[in-house]
Amino acid sequence: MFLINFLTLLLGLFTASFLTQTLTIDLRLSFFLLLHVFPFRYIFYSPKSTLTSCRSLLITIVCFHKLINVWLC
């Protein structure tokens, strides 16, 4: 069970990394992705699934990292 959760987290991280690399050419689009597409409610409220919370947190961290890289360049 731990291996399945870990592989799902890695898949979510790689998917978020791919999406943010290909879509955040425009800064407004990256703000749209951060505010509307990714589920922030899992971070601020108690989720039903810890796996969903961890995956959402990883996606959020990756998106903020990509957003900062786009903003600094």
C-alpha atoms as a PDB file:
ATOM      1  CA  MET A   1       0.000   0.000   0.000  1.00  0.00           C
ATOM      2  CA  PHE A   2       2.851   2.381   0.792  1.00  0.00           C
ATOM      3  CA  LEU A   3       4.426   1.682  -2.601  1.00  0.00           C
ATOM      4  CA  ILE A   4       1.170   2.481  -4.412  1.00  0.00           C
ATOM      5  CA  ASN A   5       0.813   5.768  -2.506  1.00  0.00           C
ATOM      6  CA  PHE A   6       4.436   6.684  -3.191  1.00  0.00           C
ATOM      7  CA  LEU A   7       4.140   5.940  -6.921  1.00  0.00           C
ATOM      8  CA  THR A   8       0.937   7.978  -7.116  1.00  0.00           C
ATOM      9  CA  LEU A   9       2.675  10.924  -5.455  1.00  0.00           C
ATOM     10  CA  LEU A  10       5.572  10.679  -7.915  1.00  0.00           C
ATOM     11  CA  LEU A  11       3.171  10.523 -10.844  1.00  0.00           C
ATOM     12  CA  GLY A  12       1.348  13.611  -9.576  1.00  0.00           C
ATOM     13  CA  LEU A  13       4.637  15.466  -9.141  1.00  0.00           C
ATOM     14  CA  PHE A  14       5.871  14.614 -12.640  1.00  0.00           C
ATOM     15  CA  THR A  15       2.519  15.559 -14.154  1.00  0.00           C
ATOM     16  CA  ALA A  16       2.559  18.922 -12.384  1.00  0.00           C
ATOM     17  CA  SER A  17       6.145  19.516 -13.453  1.00  0.00           C
ATOM     18  CA  PHE A  18       5.299  18.735 -17.084  1.00  0.00           C
ATOM     19  CA  LEU A  19       2.211  20.939 -17.039  1.00  0.00           C
ATOM     20  CA  THR A  20       3.990  23.891 -15.509  1.00  0.00           C
ATOM     21  CA  GLN A  21       6.963  23.594 -17.876  1.00  0.00           C
ATOM     22  CA  THR A  22       4.763  23.592 -20.958  1.00  0.00           C
ATOM     23  CA  LEU A  23       2.014  26.006 -19.899  1.00  0.00           C
ATOM     24  CA  THR A  24       3.594  28.786 -17.840  1.00  0.00           C
ATOM     25  CA  ILE A  25       5.070  30.777 -20.682  1.00  0.00           C
ATOM     26  CA  ASP A  26       2.642  33.554 -19.862  1.00  0.00           C
ATOM     27  CA  LEU A  27       2.538  34.744 -16.266  1.00  0.00           C
ATOM     28  CA  ARG A  28      -1.238  35.243 -16.350  1.00  0.00           C
ATOM     29  CA  LEU A  29      -1.734  31.628 -17.349  1.00  0.00           C
ATOM     30  CA  SER A  30       0.358  30.449 -14.422  1.00  0.00           C
ATOM     31  CA  PHE A  31      -1.767  32.554 -12.050  1.00  0.00           C
ATOM     32  CA  PHE A  32      -4.859  30.963 -13.593  1.00  0.00           C
ATOM     33  CA  LEU A  33      -3.412  27.494 -13.022  1.00  0.00           C
ATOM     34  CA  LEU A  34      -2.516  28.306  -9.442  1.00  0.00           C
ATOM     35  CA  LEU A  35      -5.854  29.833  -8.518  1.00  0.00           C
ATOM     36  CA  HIS A  36      -8.411  27.854 -10.506  1.00  0.00           C
ATOM     37  CA  VAL A  37      -7.137  24.470 -11.645  1.00  0.00           C
ATOM     38  CA  PHE A  38      -5.284  22.954  -8.700  1.00  0.00           C
ATOM     39  CA  PRO A  39      -7.287  21.989  -5.583  1.00  0.00           C
ATOM     40  CA  PHE A  40      -6.163  24.383  -2.852  1.00  0.00           C
ATOM     41  CA  ARG A  41      -9.041  23.318  -0.619  1.00  0.00           C
ATOM     42  CA  TYR A  42      -7.174  20.129   0.272  1.00  0.00           C
ATOM     43  CA  ILE A  43      -4.395  22.154   1.838  1.00  0.00           C
ATOM     44  CA  PHE A  44      -6.489  24.566   3.900  1.00  0.00           C
ATOM     45  CA  TYR A  45      -9.213  22.164   5.049  1.00  0.00           C
ATOM     46  CA  SER A  46      -8.933  18.714   6.548  1.00  0.00           C
ATOM     47  CA  PRO A  47      -9.045  16.306   3.615  1.00  0.00           C
ATOM     48  CA  LYS A  48     -10.649  12.902   3.512  1.00  0.00           C
ATOM     49  CA  SER A  49      -7.500  11.407   2.033  1.00  0.00           C
ATOM     50  CA  THR A  50      -3.957  12.105   3.164  1.00  0.00           C
ATOM     51  CA  LEU A  51      -2.702  11.023  -0.242  1.00  0.00           C
ATOM     52  CA  THR A  52      -4.765  13.708  -1.979  1.00  0.00           C
ATOM     53  CA  SER A  53      -3.497  16.315   0.467  1.00  0.00           C
ATOM     54  CA  CYS A  54       0.148  15.387  -0.085  1.00  0.00           C
ATOM     55  CA  ARG A  55      -0.281  15.322  -3.849  1.00  0.00           C
ATOM     56  CA  SER A  56      -1.989  18.721  -3.838  1.00  0.00           C
ATOM     57  CA  LEU A  57       0.751  20.158  -1.662  1.00  0.00           C
ATOM     58  CA  LEU A  58       3.452  18.854  -4.021  1.00  0.00           C
ATOM     59  CA  ILE A  59       1.630  20.268  -7.051  1.00  0.00           C
ATOM     60  CA  THR A  60       1.304  23.637  -5.309  1.00  0.00           C
ATOM     61  CA  ILE A  61       4.999  23.720  -4.395  1.00  0.00           C
ATOM     62  CA  VAL A  62       6.032  22.849  -7.954  1.00  0.00           C
ATOM     63  CA  CYS A  63       3.706  25.495  -9.403  1.00  0.00           C
ATOM     64  CA  PHE A  64       4.980  28.227  -7.097  1.00  0.00           C
ATOM     65  CA  HIS A  65       8.551  27.245  -7.947  1.00  0.00           C
ATOM     66  CA  LYS A  66       7.830  27.463 -11.678  1.00  0.00           C
ATOM     67  CA  LEU A  67       5.948  30.739 -11.211  1.00  0.00           C
ATOM     68  CA  ILE A  68       8.902  32.295  -9.409  1.00  0.00           C
ATOM     69  CA  ASN A  69      11.262  31.067 -12.138  1.00  0.00           C
ATOM     70  CA  VAL A  70       9.062  32.621 -14.839  1.00  0.00           C
ATOM     71  CA  TRP A  71       8.777  35.867 -12.880  1.00  0.00           C
ATOM     72  CA  LEU A  72      12.539  36.161 -12.320  1.00  0.00           C
ATOM     73  CA  CYS A  73      13.498  35.452 -15.941  1.00  0.00           C
END
